[in-house]
Amino acid sequence: MLLHAGRRRTELPAGVDSVHNYYELQVFDEIARRDERAREDADFLADVACVALNHLPPRYIRHDVDMSFFLSPQEQEEMQKKVRKAVKDALRYVAERSNPDGA
């Protein structure tokens, strides 16, 4: 979104800082639920989250309730399935590359 070219983030109008990707919280919750290492290692958590989020389509919103209000239960379940798969794949990918010995 181009509010004003060259404007610094600290100079943005009030309210735009609420814009975020809906999948972010879903991904972090799923990672924490699935993996003990991610709950203890912030770098591992961040790496897994980045990999997972890069495999999900962006869904920018201002308020999480907007998504739950406008999505059908089937759409919500499909999004959760995508999150579970992206996190599962990201956990495997990052774990394999963070332990070169494969152990």
PDB file of N, CA and C in Angstrom:
ATOM      1  N   MET A   1       0.851  -1.163   0.000  1.00  0.00           N
ATOM      2  CA  MET A   1       0.000   0.000   0.000  1.00  0.00           C
ATOM      3  C   MET A   1       0.897   1.226   0.000  1.00  0.00           C
ATOM      4  N   LEU A   2       0.695   2.097  -0.939  1.00  0.00           N
ATOM      5  CA  LEU A   2       1.488   3.316  -1.024  1.00  0.00           C
ATOM      6  C   LEU A   2       0.700   4.478  -0.450  1.00  0.00           C
ATOM      7  N   LEU A   3       0.999   4.808   0.788  1.00  0.00           N
ATOM      8  CA  LEU A   3       0.334   5.964   1.388  1.00  0.00           C
ATOM      9  C   LEU A   3       0.994   7.243   0.900  1.00  0.00           C
ATOM     10  N   HIS A   4       2.289   7.292   1.044  1.00  0.00           N
ATOM     11  CA  HIS A   4       3.085   8.404   0.534  1.00  0.00           C
ATOM     12  C   HIS A   4       4.477   7.866   0.289  1.00  0.00           C
ATOM     13  N   ALA A   5       4.954   7.995  -0.929  1.00  0.00           N
ATOM     14  CA  ALA A   5       6.290   7.489  -1.256  1.00  0.00           C
ATOM     15  C   ALA A   5       7.330   8.161  -0.377  1.00  0.00           C
ATOM     16  N   GLY A   6       8.253   7.380   0.151  1.00  0.00           N
ATOM     17  CA  GLY A   6       9.335   7.904   0.955  1.00  0.00           C
ATOM     18  C   GLY A   6       8.996   8.164   2.411  1.00  0.00           C
ATOM     19  N   ARG A   7       7.785   7.981   2.812  1.00  0.00           N
ATOM     20  CA  ARG A   7       7.380   8.228   4.195  1.00  0.00           C
ATOM     21  C   ARG A   7       7.928   7.126   5.093  1.00  0.00           C
ATOM     22  N   ARG A   8       8.453   7.486   6.206  1.00  0.00           N
ATOM     23  CA  ARG A   8       8.984   6.508   7.155  1.00  0.00           C
ATOM     24  C   ARG A   8       7.839   5.863   7.931  1.00  0.00           C
ATOM     25  N   ARG A   9       8.069   4.627   8.388  1.00  0.00           N
ATOM     26  CA  ARG A   9       7.044   3.896   9.136  1.00  0.00           C
ATOM     27  C   ARG A   9       6.574   4.675  10.353  1.00  0.00           C
ATOM     28  N   THR A  10       7.486   5.356  11.023  1.00  0.00           N
ATOM     29  CA  THR A  10       7.105   6.103  12.219  1.00  0.00           C
ATOM     30  C   THR A  10       6.207   7.287  11.893  1.00  0.00           C
ATOM     31  N   GLU A  11       6.110   7.645  10.627  1.00  0.00           N
ATOM     32  CA  GLU A  11       5.293   8.780  10.224  1.00  0.00           C
ATOM     33  C   GLU A  11       3.961   8.359   9.621  1.00  0.00           C
ATOM     34  N   LEU A  12       3.656   7.064   9.661  1.00  0.00           N
ATOM     35  CA  LEU A  12       2.405   6.599   9.072  1.00  0.00           C
ATOM     36  C   LEU A  12       1.216   7.028   9.917  1.00  0.00           C
ATOM     37  N   PRO A  13       0.077   7.202   9.292  1.00  0.00           N
ATOM     38  CA  PRO A  13      -1.123   7.596  10.043  1.00  0.00           C
ATOM     39  C   PRO A  13      -1.498   6.535  11.081  1.00  0.00           C
ATOM     40  N   ALA A  14      -2.121   6.978  12.134  1.00  0.00           N
ATOM     41  CA  ALA A  14      -2.579   6.064  13.187  1.00  0.00           C
ATOM     42  C   ALA A  14      -3.522   5.031  12.598  1.00  0.00           C
ATOM     43  N   GLY A  15      -3.412   3.806  13.088  1.00  0.00           N
ATOM     44  CA  GLY A  15      -4.316   2.751  12.646  1.00  0.00           C
ATOM     45  C   GLY A  15      -3.725   1.792  11.647  1.00  0.00           C
ATOM     46  N   VAL A  16      -2.753   2.227  10.858  1.00  0.00           N
ATOM     47  CA  VAL A  16      -2.207   1.313   9.853  1.00  0.00           C
ATOM     48  C   VAL A  16      -1.315   0.249  10.469  1.00  0.00           C
ATOM     49  N   ASP A  17      -0.871   0.462  11.702  1.00  0.00           N
ATOM     50  CA  ASP A  17      -0.040  -0.555  12.346  1.00  0.00           C
ATOM     51  C   ASP A  17      -0.852  -1.785  12.748  1.00  0.00           C
ATOM     52  N   SER A  18      -2.155  -1.719  12.616  1.00  0.00           N
ATOM     53  CA  SER A  18      -2.988  -2.887  12.913  1.00  0.00           C
ATOM     54  C   SER A  18      -3.068  -3.850  11.723  1.00  0.00           C
ATOM     55  N   VAL A  19      -2.573  -3.452  10.561  1.00  0.00           N
ATOM     56  CA  VAL A  19      -2.594  -4.306   9.379  1.00  0.00           C
ATOM     57  C   VAL A  19      -1.571  -5.425   9.561  1.00  0.00           C
ATOM     58  N   HIS A  20      -2.035  -6.659   9.397  1.00  0.00           N
ATOM     59  CA  HIS A  20      -1.128  -7.804   9.530  1.00  0.00           C
ATOM     60  C   HIS A  20      -1.636  -8.981   8.706  1.00  0.00           C
ATOM     61  N   ASN A  21      -0.769  -9.942   8.537  1.00  0.00           N
ATOM     62  CA  ASN A  21      -1.108 -11.155   7.798  1.00  0.00           C
ATOM     63  C   ASN A  21      -1.838 -12.097   8.759  1.00  0.00           C
ATOM     64  N   TYR A  22      -3.037 -12.468   8.423  1.00  0.00           N
ATOM     65  CA  TYR A  22      -3.862 -13.338   9.270  1.00  0.00           C
ATOM     66  C   TYR A  22      -3.136 -14.630   9.627  1.00  0.00           C
ATOM     67  N   TYR A  23      -2.345 -15.147   8.717  1.00  0.00           N
ATOM     68  CA  TYR A  23      -1.683 -16.429   8.949  1.00  0.00           C
ATOM     69  C   TYR A  23      -0.587 -16.364  10.014  1.00  0.00           C
ATOM     70  N   GLU A  24      -0.063 -15.185  10.327  1.00  0.00           N
ATOM     71  CA  GLU A  24       1.051 -15.101  11.261  1.00  0.00           C
ATOM     72  C   GLU A  24       0.738 -15.751  12.608  1.00  0.00           C
ATOM     73  N   LEU A  25      -0.316 -15.323  13.248  1.00  0.00           N
ATOM     74  CA  LEU A  25      -0.669 -15.879  14.559  1.00  0.00           C
ATOM     75  C   LEU A  25      -1.005 -17.365  14.453  1.00  0.00           C
ATOM     76  N   GLN A  26      -1.695 -17.748  13.386  1.00  0.00           N
ATOM     77  CA  GLN A  26      -2.042 -19.155  13.194  1.00  0.00           C
ATOM     78  C   GLN A  26      -0.779 -20.017  13.104  1.00  0.00           C
ATOM     79  N   VAL A  27       0.205 -19.525  12.357  1.00  0.00           N
ATOM     80  CA  VAL A  27       1.457 -20.260  12.179  1.00  0.00           C
ATOM     81  C   VAL A  27       2.227 -20.353  13.495  1.00  0.00           C
ATOM     82  N   PHE A  28       2.368 -19.250  14.205  1.00  0.00           N
ATOM     83  CA  PHE A  28       3.085 -19.289  15.474  1.00  0.00           C
ATOM     84  C   PHE A  28       2.409 -20.225  16.478  1.00  0.00           C
ATOM     85  N   ASP A  29       1.097 -20.191  16.534  1.00  0.00           N
ATOM     86  CA  ASP A  29       0.373 -21.095  17.441  1.00  0.00           C
ATOM     87  C   ASP A  29       0.593 -22.553  17.063  1.00  0.00           C
ATOM     88  N   GLU A  30       0.547 -22.852  15.780  1.00  0.00           N
ATOM     89  CA  GLU A  30       0.732 -24.231  15.315  1.00  0.00           C
ATOM     90  C   GLU A  30       2.156 -24.714  15.588  1.00  0.00           C
ATOM     91  N   ILE A  31       3.128 -23.868  15.374  1.00  0.00           N
ATOM     92  CA  ILE A  31       4.520 -24.251  15.645  1.00  0.00           C
ATOM     93  C   ILE A  31       4.689 -24.549  17.130  1.00  0.00           C
ATOM     94  N   ALA A  32       4.204 -23.671  17.982  1.00  0.00           N
ATOM     95  CA  ALA A  32       4.344 -23.863  19.429  1.00  0.00           C
ATOM     96  C   ALA A  32       3.617 -25.123  19.887  1.00  0.00           C
ATOM     97  N   ARG A  33       2.496 -25.409  19.280  1.00  0.00           N
ATOM     98  CA  ARG A  33       1.735 -26.601  19.640  1.00  0.00           C
ATOM     99  C   ARG A  33       2.478 -27.873  19.245  1.00  0.00           C
ATOM    100  N   ARG A  34       3.182 -27.829  18.142  1.00  0.00           N
ATOM    101  CA  ARG A  34       3.818 -29.023  17.579  1.00  0.00           C
ATOM    102  C   ARG A  34       5.231 -29.301  18.060  1.00  0.00           C
ATOM    103  N   ASP A  35       5.984 -28.267  18.432  1.00  0.00           N
ATOM    104  CA  ASP A  35       7.418 -28.476  18.574  1.00  0.00           C
ATOM    105  C   ASP A  35       7.984 -27.845  19.845  1.00  0.00           C
ATOM    106  N   GLU A  36       8.562 -28.672  20.696  1.00  0.00           N
ATOM    107  CA  GLU A  36       9.147 -28.197  21.945  1.00  0.00           C
ATOM    108  C   GLU A  36      10.360 -27.303  21.686  1.00  0.00           C
ATOM    109  N   ARG A  37      11.188 -27.681  20.724  1.00  0.00           N
ATOM    110  CA  ARG A  37      12.380 -26.874  20.423  1.00  0.00           C
ATOM    111  C   ARG A  37      11.985 -25.443  20.068  1.00  0.00           C
ATOM    112  N   ALA A  38      10.918 -25.291  19.304  1.00  0.00           N
ATOM    113  CA  ALA A  38      10.475 -23.957  18.893  1.00  0.00           C
ATOM    114  C   ALA A  38      10.003 -23.129  20.088  1.00  0.00           C
ATOM    115  N   ARG A  39       9.500 -23.790  21.111  1.00  0.00           N
ATOM    116  CA  ARG A  39       9.066 -23.073  22.309  1.00  0.00           C
ATOM    117  C   ARG A  39      10.253 -22.577  23.124  1.00  0.00           C
ATOM    118  N   GLU A  40      11.428 -23.161  22.912  1.00  0.00           N
ATOM    119  CA  GLU A  40      12.608 -22.814  23.701  1.00  0.00           C
ATOM    120  C   GLU A  40      13.669 -22.048  22.906  1.00  0.00           C
ATOM    121  N   ASP A  41      13.627 -22.134  21.589  1.00  0.00           N
ATOM    122  CA  ASP A  41      14.658 -21.551  20.729  1.00  0.00           C
ATOM    123  C   ASP A  41      14.019 -20.527  19.790  1.00  0.00           C
ATOM    124  N   ALA A  42      14.178 -19.245  20.128  1.00  0.00           N
ATOM    125  CA  ALA A  42      13.533 -18.183  19.352  1.00  0.00           C
ATOM    126  C   ALA A  42      14.023 -18.135  17.909  1.00  0.00           C
ATOM    127  N   ASP A  43      15.297 -18.431  17.681  1.00  0.00           N
ATOM    128  CA  ASP A  43      15.818 -18.419  16.309  1.00  0.00           C
ATOM    129  C   ASP A  43      15.188 -19.530  15.480  1.00  0.00           C
ATOM    130  N   PHE A  44      15.073 -20.708  16.065  1.00  0.00           N
ATOM    131  CA  PHE A  44      14.435 -21.832  15.367  1.00  0.00           C
ATOM    132  C   PHE A  44      12.976 -21.495  15.077  1.00  0.00           C
ATOM    133  N   LEU A  45      12.279 -20.946  16.060  1.00  0.00           N
ATOM    134  CA  LEU A  45      10.879 -20.549  15.879  1.00  0.00           C
ATOM    135  C   LEU A  45      10.743 -19.557  14.732  1.00  0.00           C
ATOM    136  N   ALA A  46      11.590 -18.540  14.719  1.00  0.00           N
ATOM    137  CA  ALA A  46      11.522 -17.520  13.667  1.00  0.00           C
ATOM    138  C   ALA A  46      11.806 -18.120  12.294  1.00  0.00           C
ATOM    139  N   ASP A  47      12.814 -19.002  12.210  1.00  0.00           N
ATOM    140  CA  ASP A  47      13.143 -19.630  10.928  1.00  0.00           C
ATOM    141  C   ASP A  47      11.985 -20.477  10.413  1.00  0.00           C
ATOM    142  N   VAL A  48      11.396 -21.266  11.301  1.00  0.00           N
ATOM    143  CA  VAL A  48      10.268 -22.120  10.898  1.00  0.00           C
ATOM    144  C   VAL A  48       9.085 -21.255  10.467  1.00  0.00           C
ATOM    145  N   ALA A  49       8.809 -20.200  11.226  1.00  0.00           N
ATOM    146  CA  ALA A  49       7.686 -19.320  10.883  1.00  0.00           C
ATOM    147  C   ALA A  49       7.888 -18.685   9.513  1.00  0.00           C
ATOM    148  N   CYS A  50       9.106 -18.219   9.231  1.00  0.00           N
ATOM    149  CA  CYS A  50       9.368 -17.599   7.925  1.00  0.00           C
ATOM    150  C   CYS A  50       9.162 -18.592   6.786  1.00  0.00           C
ATOM    151  N   VAL A  51       9.687 -19.797   6.953  1.00  0.00           N
ATOM    152  CA  VAL A  51       9.531 -20.807   5.897  1.00  0.00           C
ATOM    153  C   VAL A  51       8.053 -21.132   5.704  1.00  0.00           C
ATOM    154  N   ALA A  52       7.342 -21.358   6.792  1.00  0.00           N
ATOM    155  CA  ALA A  52       5.916 -21.697   6.685  1.00  0.00           C
ATOM    156  C   ALA A  52       5.126 -20.558   6.049  1.00  0.00           C
ATOM    157  N   LEU A  53       5.338 -19.333   6.514  1.00  0.00           N
ATOM    158  CA  LEU A  53       4.587 -18.192   5.984  1.00  0.00           C
ATOM    159  C   LEU A  53       4.870 -17.949   4.509  1.00  0.00           C
ATOM    160  N   ASN A  54       6.072 -18.246   4.068  1.00  0.00           N
ATOM    161  CA  ASN A  54       6.397 -18.073   2.656  1.00  0.00           C
ATOM    162  C   ASN A  54       5.729 -19.115   1.769  1.00  0.00           C
ATOM    163  N   HIS A  55       5.133 -20.127   2.372  1.00  0.00           N
ATOM    164  CA  HIS A  55       4.409 -21.140   1.614  1.00  0.00           C
ATOM    165  C   HIS A  55       2.894 -20.986   1.734  1.00  0.00           C
ATOM    166  N   LEU A  56       2.472 -19.902   2.336  1.00  0.00           N
ATOM    167  CA  LEU A  56       1.042 -19.611   2.471  1.00  0.00           C
ATOM    168  C   LEU A  56       0.725 -18.313   1.739  1.00  0.00           C
ATOM    169  N   PRO A  57      -0.479 -18.206   1.215  1.00  0.00           N
ATOM    170  CA  PRO A  57      -0.834 -16.953   0.543  1.00  0.00           C
ATOM    171  C   PRO A  57      -1.028 -15.844   1.578  1.00  0.00           C
ATOM    172  N   PRO A  58      -0.630 -14.624   1.272  1.00  0.00           N
ATOM    173  CA  PRO A  58      -0.853 -13.540   2.234  1.00  0.00           C
ATOM    174  C   PRO A  58      -2.344 -13.226   2.346  1.00  0.00           C
ATOM    175  N   ARG A  59      -2.799 -12.994   3.558  1.00  0.00           N
ATOM    176  CA  ARG A  59      -4.191 -12.615   3.825  1.00  0.00           C
ATOM    177  C   ARG A  59      -4.150 -11.466   4.814  1.00  0.00           C
ATOM    178  N   TYR A  60      -4.013 -10.254   4.295  1.00  0.00           N
ATOM    179  CA  TYR A  60      -3.867  -9.095   5.155  1.00  0.00           C
ATOM    180  C   TYR A  60      -5.214  -8.603   5.649  1.00  0.00           C
ATOM    181  N   ILE A  61      -5.243  -8.327   6.952  1.00  0.00           N
ATOM    182  CA  ILE A  61      -6.462  -7.866   7.610  1.00  0.00           C
ATOM    183  C   ILE A  61      -6.083  -6.833   8.666  1.00  0.00           C
ATOM    184  N   ARG A  62      -7.087  -6.197   9.226  1.00  0.00           N
ATOM    185  CA  ARG A  62      -6.853  -5.288  10.350  1.00  0.00           C
ATOM    186  C   ARG A  62      -7.203  -5.958  11.664  1.00  0.00           C
ATOM    187  N   HIS A  63      -8.238  -6.786  11.667  1.00  0.00           N
ATOM    188  CA  HIS A  63      -8.703  -7.425  12.899  1.00  0.00           C
ATOM    189  C   HIS A  63      -8.965  -8.902  12.607  1.00  0.00           C
ATOM    190  N   ASP A  64      -8.450  -9.780  13.479  1.00  0.00           N
ATOM    191  CA  ASP A  64      -8.638 -11.219  13.271  1.00  0.00           C
ATOM    192  C   ASP A  64     -10.105 -11.606  13.191  1.00  0.00           C
ATOM    193  N   VAL A  65     -10.942 -10.913  13.912  1.00  0.00           N
ATOM    194  CA  VAL A  65     -12.369 -11.243  13.904  1.00  0.00           C
ATOM    195  C   VAL A  65     -12.964 -11.067  12.501  1.00  0.00           C
ATOM    196  N   ASP A  66     -12.355 -10.217  11.675  1.00  0.00           N
ATOM    197  CA  ASP A  66     -12.835 -10.025  10.308  1.00  0.00           C
ATOM    198  C   ASP A  66     -12.810 -11.334   9.529  1.00  0.00           C
ATOM    199  N   MET A  67     -11.746 -12.103   9.701  1.00  0.00           N
ATOM    200  CA  MET A  67     -11.624 -13.362   8.972  1.00  0.00           C
ATOM    201  C   MET A  67     -12.656 -14.372   9.452  1.00  0.00           C
ATOM    202  N   SER A  68     -12.808 -14.503  10.736  1.00  0.00           N
ATOM    203  CA  SER A  68     -13.739 -15.505  11.242  1.00  0.00           C
ATOM    204  C   SER A  68     -15.181 -15.126  10.908  1.00  0.00           C
ATOM    205  N   PHE A  69     -15.463 -13.858  10.801  1.00  0.00           N
ATOM    206  CA  PHE A  69     -16.811 -13.412  10.479  1.00  0.00           C
ATOM    207  C   PHE A  69     -17.156 -13.649   9.006  1.00  0.00           C
ATOM    208  N   PHE A  70     -16.196 -13.445   8.119  1.00  0.00           N
ATOM    209  CA  PHE A  70     -16.468 -13.508   6.693  1.00  0.00           C
ATOM    210  C   PHE A  70     -16.181 -14.854   6.041  1.00  0.00           C
ATOM    211  N   LEU A  71     -15.569 -15.783   6.770  1.00  0.00           N
ATOM    212  CA  LEU A  71     -15.264 -17.095   6.204  1.00  0.00           C
ATOM    213  C   LEU A  71     -16.284 -18.139   6.654  1.00  0.00           C
ATOM    214  N   SER A  72     -16.591 -19.034   5.751  1.00  0.00           N
ATOM    215  CA  SER A  72     -17.451 -20.157   6.116  1.00  0.00           C
ATOM    216  C   SER A  72     -16.644 -21.137   6.957  1.00  0.00           C
ATOM    217  N   PRO A  73     -17.296 -22.018   7.685  1.00  0.00           N
ATOM    218  CA  PRO A  73     -16.560 -23.041   8.445  1.00  0.00           C
ATOM    219  C   PRO A  73     -15.666 -23.897   7.540  1.00  0.00           C
ATOM    220  N   GLN A  74     -16.107 -24.172   6.325  1.00  0.00           N
ATOM    221  CA  GLN A  74     -15.299 -24.955   5.391  1.00  0.00           C
ATOM    222  C   GLN A  74     -14.034 -24.195   4.991  1.00  0.00           C
ATOM    223  N   GLU A  75     -14.162 -22.889   4.745  1.00  0.00           N
ATOM    224  CA  GLU A  75     -12.999 -22.080   4.388  1.00  0.00           C
ATOM    225  C   GLU A  75     -12.023 -21.994   5.562  1.00  0.00           C
ATOM    226  N   GLN A  76     -12.544 -21.865   6.765  1.00  0.00           N
ATOM    227  CA  GLN A  76     -11.689 -21.818   7.952  1.00  0.00           C
ATOM    228  C   GLN A  76     -10.923 -23.126   8.118  1.00  0.00           C
ATOM    229  N   GLU A  77     -11.605 -24.252   7.914  1.00  0.00           N
ATOM    230  CA  GLU A  77     -10.946 -25.557   8.029  1.00  0.00           C
ATOM    231  C   GLU A  77      -9.885 -25.726   6.950  1.00  0.00           C
ATOM    232  N   GLU A  78     -10.162 -25.270   5.743  1.00  0.00           N
ATOM    233  CA  GLU A  78      -9.187 -25.365   4.659  1.00  0.00           C
ATOM    234  C   GLU A  78      -7.944 -24.526   4.978  1.00  0.00           C
ATOM    235  N   MET A  79      -8.139 -23.358   5.535  1.00  0.00           N
ATOM    236  CA  MET A  79      -7.009 -22.521   5.914  1.00  0.00           C
ATOM    237  C   MET A  79      -6.191 -23.198   7.019  1.00  0.00           C
ATOM    238  N   GLN A  80      -6.855 -23.819   7.978  1.00  0.00           N
ATOM    239  CA  GLN A  80      -6.146 -24.530   9.050  1.00  0.00           C
ATOM    240  C   GLN A  80      -5.347 -25.703   8.486  1.00  0.00           C
ATOM    241  N   LYS A  81      -5.902 -26.404   7.519  1.00  0.00           N
ATOM    242  CA  LYS A  81      -5.173 -27.503   6.882  1.00  0.00           C
ATOM    243  C   LYS A  81      -3.910 -26.985   6.204  1.00  0.00           C
ATOM    244  N   LYS A  82      -4.028 -25.848   5.532  1.00  0.00           N
ATOM    245  CA  LYS A  82      -2.859 -25.249   4.872  1.00  0.00           C
ATOM    246  C   LYS A  82      -1.807 -24.861   5.893  1.00  0.00           C
ATOM    247  N   VAL A  83      -2.232 -24.318   7.019  1.00  0.00           N
ATOM    248  CA  VAL A  83      -1.294 -23.936   8.073  1.00  0.00           C
ATOM    249  C   VAL A  83      -0.599 -25.176   8.622  1.00  0.00           C
ATOM    250  N   ARG A  84      -1.356 -26.221   8.929  1.00  0.00           N
ATOM    251  CA  ARG A  84      -0.760 -27.447   9.472  1.00  0.00           C
ATOM    252  C   ARG A  84       0.273 -28.029   8.519  1.00  0.00           C
ATOM    253  N   LYS A  85      -0.042 -28.061   7.229  1.00  0.00           N
ATOM    254  CA  LYS A  85       0.896 -28.607   6.247  1.00  0.00           C
ATOM    255  C   LYS A  85       2.132 -27.720   6.121  1.00  0.00           C
ATOM    256  N   ALA A  86       1.935 -26.422   6.033  1.00  0.00           N
ATOM    257  CA  ALA A  86       3.071 -25.503   5.893  1.00  0.00           C
ATOM    258  C   ALA A  86       3.998 -25.603   7.104  1.00  0.00           C
ATOM    259  N   VAL A  87       3.434 -25.700   8.297  1.00  0.00           N
ATOM    260  CA  VAL A  87       4.248 -25.803   9.508  1.00  0.00           C
ATOM    261  C   VAL A  87       4.960 -27.145   9.565  1.00  0.00           C
ATOM    262  N   LYS A  88       4.267 -28.206   9.248  1.00  0.00           N
ATOM    263  CA  LYS A  88       4.887 -29.538   9.246  1.00  0.00           C
ATOM    264  C   LYS A  88       6.084 -29.562   8.299  1.00  0.00           C
ATOM    265  N   ASP A  89       5.893 -29.074   7.090  1.00  0.00           N
ATOM    266  CA  ASP A  89       6.969 -29.053   6.095  1.00  0.00           C
ATOM    267  C   ASP A  89       8.105 -28.132   6.540  1.00  0.00           C
ATOM    268  N   ALA A  90       7.771 -26.968   7.122  1.00  0.00           N
ATOM    269  CA  ALA A  90       8.791 -26.016   7.557  1.00  0.00           C
ATOM    270  C   ALA A  90       9.603 -26.567   8.723  1.00  0.00           C
ATOM    271  N   LEU A  91       8.950 -27.248   9.651  1.00  0.00           N
ATOM    272  CA  LEU A  91       9.673 -27.852  10.774  1.00  0.00           C
ATOM    273  C   LEU A  91      10.700 -28.855  10.270  1.00  0.00           C
ATOM    274  N   ARG A  92      10.287 -29.683   9.343  1.00  0.00           N
ATOM    275  CA  ARG A  92      11.200 -30.682   8.780  1.00  0.00           C
ATOM    276  C   ARG A  92      12.351 -29.990   8.038  1.00  0.00           C
ATOM    277  N   TYR A  93      12.035 -29.027   7.211  1.00  0.00           N
ATOM    278  CA  TYR A  93      13.032 -28.322   6.407  1.00  0.00           C
ATOM    279  C   TYR A  93      14.082 -27.646   7.294  1.00  0.00           C
ATOM    280  N   VAL A  94      13.640 -26.883   8.278  1.00  0.00           N
ATOM    281  CA  VAL A  94      14.567 -26.135   9.128  1.00  0.00           C
ATOM    282  C   VAL A  94      15.360 -27.094  10.019  1.00  0.00           C
ATOM    283  N   ALA A  95      14.721 -28.103  10.565  1.00  0.00           N
ATOM    284  CA  ALA A  95      15.426 -29.052  11.420  1.00  0.00           C
ATOM    285  C   ALA A  95      16.527 -29.779  10.651  1.00  0.00           C
ATOM    286  N   GLU A  96      16.239 -30.166   9.427  1.00  0.00           N
ATOM    287  CA  GLU A  96      17.246 -30.857   8.607  1.00  0.00           C
ATOM    288  C   GLU A  96      18.447 -29.964   8.322  1.00  0.00           C
ATOM    289  N   ARG A  97      18.216 -28.685   8.136  1.00  0.00           N
ATOM    290  CA  ARG A  97      19.297 -27.786   7.776  1.00  0.00           C
ATOM    291  C   ARG A  97      20.012 -27.208   8.998  1.00  0.00           C
ATOM    292  N   SER A  98      19.404 -27.289  10.161  1.00  0.00           N
ATOM    293  CA  SER A  98      20.055 -26.757  11.359  1.00  0.00           C
ATOM    294  C   SER A  98      20.889 -27.807  12.062  1.00  0.00           C
ATOM    295  N   ASN A  99      20.791 -29.057  11.604  1.00  0.00           N
ATOM    296  CA  ASN A  99      21.587 -30.140  12.174  1.00  0.00           C
ATOM    297  C   ASN A  99      22.292 -30.855  11.035  1.00  0.00           C
ATOM    298  N   PRO A 100      23.477 -30.384  10.645  1.00  0.00           N
ATOM    299  CA  PRO A 100      24.176 -30.937   9.471  1.00  0.00           C
ATOM    300  C   PRO A 100      24.513 -32.425   9.589  1.00  0.00           C
ATOM    301  N   ASP A 101      24.593 -32.949  10.821  1.00  0.00           N
ATOM    302  CA  ASP A 101      24.908 -34.368  10.994  1.00  0.00           C
ATOM    303  C   ASP A 101      23.721 -35.265  10.710  1.00  0.00           C
ATOM    304  N   GLY A 102      22.524 -34.664  10.643  1.00  0.00           N
ATOM    305  CA  GLY A 102      21.312 -35.446  10.389  1.00  0.00           C
ATOM    306  C   GLY A 102      20.849 -36.222  11.595  1.00  0.00           C
ATOM    307  N   ALA A 103      21.460 -35.982  12.742  1.00  0.00           N
ATOM    308  CA  ALA A 103      21.084 -36.705  13.962  1.00  0.00           C
ATOM    309  C   ALA A 103      20.126 -35.905  14.791  1.00  0.00           C
TER     310      ALA A 103
END
